[in-house]
Amino acid sequence: MANSAMTVTGEFGLTDARSDEDLFLACREGDQMAFRVLVDRHLRMVRRLALNVLGDVQEAEDAAQEAFIAAWRARERWIPEARFSTWLHRIAVNKAIDRRRVRKAVPESQEVITRLADAEDRGAVQADALANLERSEVAVTLQQALGKLPDTQRQALTLFYFEELEVGRIADAMGCSEQAVRSLLKRGRQTLKTRLQRQKKICGYGPETVRSAPEGAGRGA
């Protein structure tokens, strides 16, 4: 079956005695009915996870559709030893994060134009350009470091620092306790701090430290 032909519908009432993992193994052989059963079982939870990140019902519905389509397309890469529900929920949270980021995004070209228009003289423009270059280099380094973190740490840091969600909402989105989120944030910050400081020693740029929130302060971290 071609990927483009797969339609996610979520028809409630489908039953099957097989486990999620056995059903998804059948999906790897192209069994569409097995996939519909999985959609039936997990659609409500996937919608809720997306809604906790996005705060918009229609956006959450779209993210859920994207998550199931992504799961179908990635079925041959799924590792049978991995729990299907955990794997699917991570896809759902990532899809919701992607949609939230697009919704908030401001084109970089417009930001550059605005900074140039606000600069008072050529010297200011040059200074701003150099500062912007360094910020861009640091951003790339940070993104690379984030990409090397375990999935759960990366998701927690992204939702807290970039999407500015409270710890309670992150816990709901990730399906874990608030204490678990705080632990993920703490470990993720420590890892990023170490890697960014190492990068600064090698390349000569980067922040001295990674900003950390005191335990229990800010948005619940």
C-alpha atoms as a PDB file:
ATOM      1  CA  MET A   1       0.000   0.000   0.000  1.00  0.00           C
ATOM      2  CA  ALA A   2       1.263   3.488  -0.843  1.00  0.00           C
ATOM      3  CA  ASN A   3       1.712   5.817   2.125  1.00  0.00           C
ATOM      4  CA  SER A   4      -0.444   8.490   0.507  1.00  0.00           C
ATOM      5  CA  ALA A   5      -3.415   6.093   0.529  1.00  0.00           C
ATOM      6  CA  MET A   6      -3.475   5.630   4.304  1.00  0.00           C
ATOM      7  CA  THR A   7      -6.390   7.507   5.898  1.00  0.00           C
ATOM      8  CA  VAL A   8      -6.659   7.978   9.669  1.00  0.00           C
ATOM      9  CA  THR A   9     -10.301   7.831  10.708  1.00  0.00           C
ATOM     10  CA  GLY A  10     -10.621   6.643  14.314  1.00  0.00           C
ATOM     11  CA  GLU A  11     -13.806   4.579  14.050  1.00  0.00           C
ATOM     12  CA  PHE A  12     -14.645   3.736  17.665  1.00  0.00           C
ATOM     13  CA  GLY A  13     -15.845   0.276  18.541  1.00  0.00           C
ATOM     14  CA  LEU A  14     -13.210  -1.853  16.832  1.00  0.00           C
ATOM     15  CA  THR A  15     -11.985  -4.745  18.969  1.00  0.00           C
ATOM     16  CA  ASP A  16      -9.019  -7.077  18.711  1.00  0.00           C
ATOM     17  CA  ALA A  17      -7.480  -9.383  21.303  1.00  0.00           C
ATOM     18  CA  ARG A  18      -3.927  -8.772  20.123  1.00  0.00           C
ATOM     19  CA  SER A  19      -1.536  -6.455  21.981  1.00  0.00           C
ATOM     20  CA  ASP A  20      -0.512  -3.089  20.538  1.00  0.00           C
ATOM     21  CA  GLU A  21       2.848  -4.518  19.646  1.00  0.00           C
ATOM     22  CA  ASP A  22       1.388  -7.539  17.836  1.00  0.00           C
ATOM     23  CA  LEU A  23      -0.987  -5.276  15.920  1.00  0.00           C
ATOM     24  CA  PHE A  24       1.811  -2.993  14.833  1.00  0.00           C
ATOM     25  CA  LEU A  25       3.865  -5.971  13.729  1.00  0.00           C
ATOM     26  CA  ALA A  26       0.915  -6.810  11.481  1.00  0.00           C
ATOM     27  CA  CYS A  27       0.977  -3.204  10.250  1.00  0.00           C
ATOM     28  CA  ARG A  28       4.524  -3.771   9.078  1.00  0.00           C
ATOM     29  CA  GLU A  29       3.076  -6.345   6.725  1.00  0.00           C
ATOM     30  CA  GLY A  30       0.586  -3.780   5.405  1.00  0.00           C
ATOM     31  CA  ASP A  31      -2.411  -4.756   7.577  1.00  0.00           C
ATOM     32  CA  GLN A  32      -4.568  -1.616   7.495  1.00  0.00           C
ATOM     33  CA  MET A  33      -7.286  -3.061   9.736  1.00  0.00           C
ATOM     34  CA  ALA A  34      -4.721  -3.675  12.487  1.00  0.00           C
ATOM     35  CA  PHE A  35      -3.699  -0.030  12.203  1.00  0.00           C
ATOM     36  CA  ARG A  36      -7.322   1.131  12.459  1.00  0.00           C
ATOM     37  CA  VAL A  37      -7.637  -0.834  15.701  1.00  0.00           C
ATOM     38  CA  LEU A  38      -4.551   0.954  17.032  1.00  0.00           C
ATOM     39  CA  VAL A  39      -5.993   4.314  16.023  1.00  0.00           C
ATOM     40  CA  ASP A  40      -9.204   3.338  17.805  1.00  0.00           C
ATOM     41  CA  ARG A  41      -7.313   2.501  20.999  1.00  0.00           C
ATOM     42  CA  HIS A  42      -5.047   5.532  21.113  1.00  0.00           C
ATOM     43  CA  LEU A  43      -6.823   8.397  19.353  1.00  0.00           C
ATOM     44  CA  ARG A  44      -8.279   9.940  22.508  1.00  0.00           C
ATOM     45  CA  MET A  45      -4.938   9.922  24.303  1.00  0.00           C
ATOM     46  CA  VAL A  46      -3.024  11.260  21.303  1.00  0.00           C
ATOM     47  CA  ARG A  47      -5.555  14.088  20.926  1.00  0.00           C
ATOM     48  CA  ARG A  48      -5.246  14.920  24.616  1.00  0.00           C
ATOM     49  CA  LEU A  49      -1.447  14.988  24.484  1.00  0.00           C
ATOM     50  CA  ALA A  50      -1.544  17.318  21.490  1.00  0.00           C
ATOM     51  CA  LEU A  51      -4.186  19.515  23.115  1.00  0.00           C
ATOM     52  CA  ASN A  52      -2.038  19.932  26.236  1.00  0.00           C
ATOM     53  CA  VAL A  53       0.756  21.310  24.062  1.00  0.00           C
ATOM     54  CA  LEU A  54      -1.295  23.357  21.601  1.00  0.00           C
ATOM     55  CA  GLY A  55      -4.310  24.500  23.613  1.00  0.00           C
ATOM     56  CA  ASP A  56      -6.486  24.431  20.485  1.00  0.00           C
ATOM     57  CA  VAL A  57      -8.911  21.631  19.617  1.00  0.00           C
ATOM     58  CA  GLN A  58      -8.577  21.849  15.832  1.00  0.00           C
ATOM     59  CA  GLU A  59      -4.791  22.144  15.994  1.00  0.00           C
ATOM     60  CA  ALA A  60      -4.729  19.119  18.296  1.00  0.00           C
ATOM     61  CA  GLU A  61      -6.890  17.162  15.862  1.00  0.00           C
ATOM     62  CA  ASP A  62      -4.513  17.992  13.007  1.00  0.00           C
ATOM     63  CA  ALA A  63      -1.472  17.060  15.102  1.00  0.00           C
ATOM     64  CA  ALA A  64      -3.089  13.738  16.023  1.00  0.00           C
ATOM     65  CA  GLN A  65      -3.708  12.978  12.347  1.00  0.00           C
ATOM     66  CA  GLU A  66      -0.079  13.814  11.562  1.00  0.00           C
ATOM     67  CA  ALA A  67       1.132  11.604  14.428  1.00  0.00           C
ATOM     68  CA  PHE A  68      -0.756   8.541  13.198  1.00  0.00           C
ATOM     69  CA  ILE A  69       0.318   9.086   9.607  1.00  0.00           C
ATOM     70  CA  ALA A  70       3.936   9.444  10.779  1.00  0.00           C
ATOM     71  CA  ALA A  71       3.595   6.230  12.796  1.00  0.00           C
ATOM     72  CA  TRP A  72       2.284   4.337   9.766  1.00  0.00           C
ATOM     73  CA  ARG A  73       5.103   5.605   7.579  1.00  0.00           C
ATOM     74  CA  ALA A  74       7.695   4.697  10.211  1.00  0.00           C
ATOM     75  CA  ARG A  75       6.268   1.229  10.903  1.00  0.00           C
ATOM     76  CA  GLU A  76       9.192  -0.597   9.308  1.00  0.00           C
ATOM     77  CA  ARG A  77      11.680   1.317  11.473  1.00  0.00           C
ATOM     78  CA  TRP A  78       9.872   0.576  14.730  1.00  0.00           C
ATOM     79  CA  ILE A  79      11.819  -1.677  17.095  1.00  0.00           C
ATOM     80  CA  PRO A  80       9.540  -4.495  18.329  1.00  0.00           C
ATOM     81  CA  GLU A  81      11.122  -4.403  21.799  1.00  0.00           C
ATOM     82  CA  ALA A  82       9.884  -0.826  22.247  1.00  0.00           C
ATOM     83  CA  ARG A  83       6.465  -0.262  23.815  1.00  0.00           C
ATOM     84  CA  PHE A  84       4.177   0.949  21.034  1.00  0.00           C
ATOM     85  CA  SER A  85       2.159   3.404  23.133  1.00  0.00           C
ATOM     86  CA  THR A  86       5.272   5.165  24.462  1.00  0.00           C
ATOM     87  CA  TRP A  87       6.702   5.407  20.947  1.00  0.00           C
ATOM     88  CA  LEU A  88       3.422   6.770  19.548  1.00  0.00           C
ATOM     89  CA  HIS A  89       3.010   9.318  22.336  1.00  0.00           C
ATOM     90  CA  ARG A  90       6.491  10.710  21.681  1.00  0.00           C
ATOM     91  CA  ILE A  91       5.607  11.123  18.010  1.00  0.00           C
ATOM     92  CA  ALA A  92       2.404  12.934  19.011  1.00  0.00           C
ATOM     93  CA  VAL A  93       4.184  15.356  21.342  1.00  0.00           C
ATOM     94  CA  ASN A  94       6.839  16.085  18.710  1.00  0.00           C
ATOM     95  CA  LYS A  95       4.173  16.772  16.068  1.00  0.00           C
ATOM     96  CA  ALA A  96       2.375  19.112  18.462  1.00  0.00           C
ATOM     97  CA  ILE A  97       5.626  20.918  19.248  1.00  0.00           C
ATOM     98  CA  ASP A  98       6.292  21.329  15.523  1.00  0.00           C
ATOM     99  CA  ARG A  99       2.837  22.842  14.937  1.00  0.00           C
ATOM    100  CA  ARG A 100       3.175  25.177  17.916  1.00  0.00           C
ATOM    101  CA  ARG A 101       6.590  26.325  16.707  1.00  0.00           C
ATOM    102  CA  VAL A 102       5.273  27.062  13.205  1.00  0.00           C
ATOM    103  CA  ARG A 103       2.338  28.968  14.665  1.00  0.00           C
ATOM    104  CA  LYS A 104       4.674  31.169  16.743  1.00  0.00           C
ATOM    105  CA  ALA A 105       7.419  31.541  14.161  1.00  0.00           C
ATOM    106  CA  VAL A 106       8.508  34.970  12.865  1.00  0.00           C
ATOM    107  CA  PRO A 107      10.431  34.930   9.570  1.00  0.00           C
ATOM    108  CA  GLU A 108      14.104  35.589  10.237  1.00  0.00           C
ATOM    109  CA  SER A 109      14.329  37.903   7.222  1.00  0.00           C
ATOM    110  CA  GLN A 110      11.727  40.210   8.773  1.00  0.00           C
ATOM    111  CA  GLU A 111      13.648  40.257  12.063  1.00  0.00           C
ATOM    112  CA  VAL A 112      16.853  41.194  10.243  1.00  0.00           C
ATOM    113  CA  ILE A 113      15.090  43.973   8.302  1.00  0.00           C
ATOM    114  CA  THR A 114      13.641  45.372  11.527  1.00  0.00           C
ATOM    115  CA  ARG A 115      17.035  45.423  13.262  1.00  0.00           C
ATOM    116  CA  LEU A 116      18.669  47.120  10.310  1.00  0.00           C
ATOM    117  CA  ALA A 117      15.900  49.724  10.106  1.00  0.00           C
ATOM    118  CA  ASP A 118      16.266  50.510  13.812  1.00  0.00           C
ATOM    119  CA  ALA A 119      20.070  50.882  13.679  1.00  0.00           C
ATOM    120  CA  GLU A 120      21.202  54.500  13.925  1.00  0.00           C
ATOM    121  CA  ASP A 121      24.382  54.315  11.854  1.00  0.00           C
ATOM    122  CA  ARG A 122      26.646  51.984   9.896  1.00  0.00           C
ATOM    123  CA  GLY A 123      28.668  51.155  12.986  1.00  0.00           C
ATOM    124  CA  ALA A 124      25.529  50.099  14.778  1.00  0.00           C
ATOM    125  CA  VAL A 125      24.540  47.926  11.830  1.00  0.00           C
ATOM    126  CA  GLN A 126      27.943  46.221  11.781  1.00  0.00           C
ATOM    127  CA  ALA A 127      27.931  45.665  15.522  1.00  0.00           C
ATOM    128  CA  ASP A 128      24.423  44.258  15.343  1.00  0.00           C
ATOM    129  CA  ALA A 129      25.369  41.976  12.451  1.00  0.00           C
ATOM    130  CA  LEU A 130      28.318  40.558  14.398  1.00  0.00           C
ATOM    131  CA  ALA A 131      26.170  40.022  17.481  1.00  0.00           C
ATOM    132  CA  ASN A 132      23.515  38.347  15.372  1.00  0.00           C
ATOM    133  CA  LEU A 133      26.127  36.043  13.819  1.00  0.00           C
ATOM    134  CA  GLU A 134      27.348  34.961  17.232  1.00  0.00           C
ATOM    135  CA  ARG A 135      23.769  34.388  18.419  1.00  0.00           C
ATOM    136  CA  SER A 136      23.152  32.281  15.330  1.00  0.00           C
ATOM    137  CA  GLU A 137      26.262  30.191  16.013  1.00  0.00           C
ATOM    138  CA  VAL A 138      25.206  29.657  19.622  1.00  0.00           C
ATOM    139  CA  ALA A 139      21.677  28.743  18.487  1.00  0.00           C
ATOM    140  CA  VAL A 140      23.054  26.130  16.092  1.00  0.00           C
ATOM    141  CA  THR A 141      25.268  24.695  18.840  1.00  0.00           C
ATOM    142  CA  LEU A 142      22.325  24.598  21.249  1.00  0.00           C
ATOM    143  CA  GLN A 143      20.105  22.893  18.675  1.00  0.00           C
ATOM    144  CA  GLN A 144      22.775  20.280  18.000  1.00  0.00           C
ATOM    145  CA  ALA A 145      23.215  19.648  21.720  1.00  0.00           C
ATOM    146  CA  LEU A 146      19.457  19.325  22.195  1.00  0.00           C
ATOM    147  CA  GLY A 147      19.308  16.839  19.356  1.00  0.00           C
ATOM    148  CA  LYS A 148      21.748  14.544  21.176  1.00  0.00           C
ATOM    149  CA  LEU A 149      19.703  14.425  24.379  1.00  0.00           C
ATOM    150  CA  PRO A 150      17.408  11.492  25.189  1.00  0.00           C
ATOM    151  CA  ASP A 151      13.926  12.052  23.726  1.00  0.00           C
ATOM    152  CA  THR A 152      12.228  12.714  27.051  1.00  0.00           C
ATOM    153  CA  GLN A 153      14.811  15.294  28.171  1.00  0.00           C
ATOM    154  CA  ARG A 154      14.675  17.070  24.810  1.00  0.00           C
ATOM    155  CA  GLN A 155      10.886  17.214  24.870  1.00  0.00           C
ATOM    156  CA  ALA A 156      10.781  18.535  28.439  1.00  0.00           C
ATOM    157  CA  LEU A 157      13.372  21.250  27.739  1.00  0.00           C
ATOM    158  CA  THR A 158      11.683  22.242  24.479  1.00  0.00           C
ATOM    159  CA  LEU A 159       8.238  22.526  26.056  1.00  0.00           C
ATOM    160  CA  PHE A 160       9.518  24.440  29.097  1.00  0.00           C
ATOM    161  CA  TYR A 161      12.035  26.862  27.600  1.00  0.00           C
ATOM    162  CA  PHE A 162      10.982  27.282  23.975  1.00  0.00           C
ATOM    163  CA  GLU A 163       7.216  26.777  24.211  1.00  0.00           C
ATOM    164  CA  GLU A 164       6.986  28.233  27.746  1.00  0.00           C
ATOM    165  CA  LEU A 165       4.546  25.662  29.082  1.00  0.00           C
ATOM    166  CA  GLU A 166       4.085  25.163  32.804  1.00  0.00           C
ATOM    167  CA  VAL A 167       5.390  21.985  34.395  1.00  0.00           C
ATOM    168  CA  GLY A 168       1.857  20.727  34.978  1.00  0.00           C
ATOM    169  CA  ARG A 169       0.977  20.981  31.299  1.00  0.00           C
ATOM    170  CA  ILE A 170       4.264  19.366  30.298  1.00  0.00           C
ATOM    171  CA  ALA A 171       3.522  16.466  32.645  1.00  0.00           C
ATOM    172  CA  ASP A 172       0.094  16.040  31.035  1.00  0.00           C
ATOM    173  CA  ALA A 173       1.563  16.255  27.539  1.00  0.00           C
ATOM    174  CA  MET A 174       4.269  13.695  28.271  1.00  0.00           C
ATOM    175  CA  GLY A 175       2.107  11.395  30.359  1.00  0.00           C
ATOM    176  CA  CYS A 176       4.269  11.541  33.484  1.00  0.00           C
ATOM    177  CA  SER A 177       4.343  13.199  36.911  1.00  0.00           C
ATOM    178  CA  GLU A 178       5.407  16.788  37.570  1.00  0.00           C
ATOM    179  CA  GLN A 179       8.322  15.481  39.631  1.00  0.00           C
ATOM    180  CA  ALA A 180       9.462  13.422  36.649  1.00  0.00           C
ATOM    181  CA  VAL A 181       9.353  16.543  34.469  1.00  0.00           C
ATOM    182  CA  ARG A 182      11.447  18.490  36.989  1.00  0.00           C
ATOM    183  CA  SER A 183      13.959  15.652  37.039  1.00  0.00           C
ATOM    184  CA  LEU A 184      14.110  15.629  33.217  1.00  0.00           C
ATOM    185  CA  LEU A 185      14.629  19.397  33.155  1.00  0.00           C
ATOM    186  CA  LYS A 186      17.404  19.200  35.740  1.00  0.00           C
ATOM    187  CA  ARG A 187      19.277  16.395  33.996  1.00  0.00           C
ATOM    188  CA  GLY A 188      18.798  17.991  30.581  1.00  0.00           C
ATOM    189  CA  ARG A 189      20.133  21.354  31.799  1.00  0.00           C
ATOM    190  CA  GLN A 190      23.188  19.713  33.341  1.00  0.00           C
ATOM    191  CA  THR A 191      23.975  17.853  30.122  1.00  0.00           C
ATOM    192  CA  LEU A 192      23.497  20.945  27.949  1.00  0.00           C
ATOM    193  CA  LYS A 193      25.656  23.037  30.270  1.00  0.00           C
ATOM    194  CA  THR A 194      28.511  20.550  30.035  1.00  0.00           C
ATOM    195  CA  ARG A 195      28.311  20.273  26.244  1.00  0.00           C
ATOM    196  CA  LEU A 196      27.996  24.015  25.618  1.00  0.00           C
ATOM    197  CA  GLN A 197      30.931  24.813  27.887  1.00  0.00           C
ATOM    198  CA  ARG A 198      32.989  22.213  26.053  1.00  0.00           C
ATOM    199  CA  GLN A 199      31.982  23.814  22.733  1.00  0.00           C
ATOM    200  CA  LYS A 200      32.973  27.257  24.017  1.00  0.00           C
ATOM    201  CA  LYS A 201      36.453  26.013  24.906  1.00  0.00           C
ATOM    202  CA  ILE A 202      36.853  24.488  21.438  1.00  0.00           C
ATOM    203  CA  CYS A 203      35.336  27.253  19.282  1.00  0.00           C
ATOM    204  CA  GLY A 204      35.648  30.347  21.440  1.00  0.00           C
ATOM    205  CA  TYR A 205      31.955  31.206  21.522  1.00  0.00           C
ATOM    206  CA  GLY A 206      28.863  30.207  23.419  1.00  0.00           C
ATOM    207  CA  PRO A 207      27.234  31.008  26.745  1.00  0.00           C
ATOM    208  CA  GLU A 208      29.185  30.609  29.950  1.00  0.00           C
ATOM    209  CA  THR A 209      26.264  28.751  31.534  1.00  0.00           C
ATOM    210  CA  VAL A 210      22.884  27.365  30.690  1.00  0.00           C
ATOM    211  CA  ARG A 211      20.141  29.336  32.381  1.00  0.00           C
ATOM    212  CA  SER A 212      18.542  27.243  35.085  1.00  0.00           C
ATOM    213  CA  ALA A 213      15.400  27.804  37.084  1.00  0.00           C
ATOM    214  CA  PRO A 214      15.564  27.253  40.863  1.00  0.00           C
ATOM    215  CA  GLU A 215      13.630  24.236  42.047  1.00  0.00           C
ATOM    216  CA  GLY A 216       9.964  25.201  42.429  1.00  0.00           C
ATOM    217  CA  ALA A 217      10.390  28.630  40.825  1.00  0.00           C
ATOM    218  CA  GLY A 218       9.221  30.156  37.562  1.00  0.00           C
ATOM    219  CA  ARG A 219       6.531  28.150  35.746  1.00  0.00           C
ATOM    220  CA  GLY A 220       6.738  25.289  38.182  1.00  0.00           C
ATOM    221  CA  ALA A 221      10.255  24.052  37.523  1.00  0.00           C
END
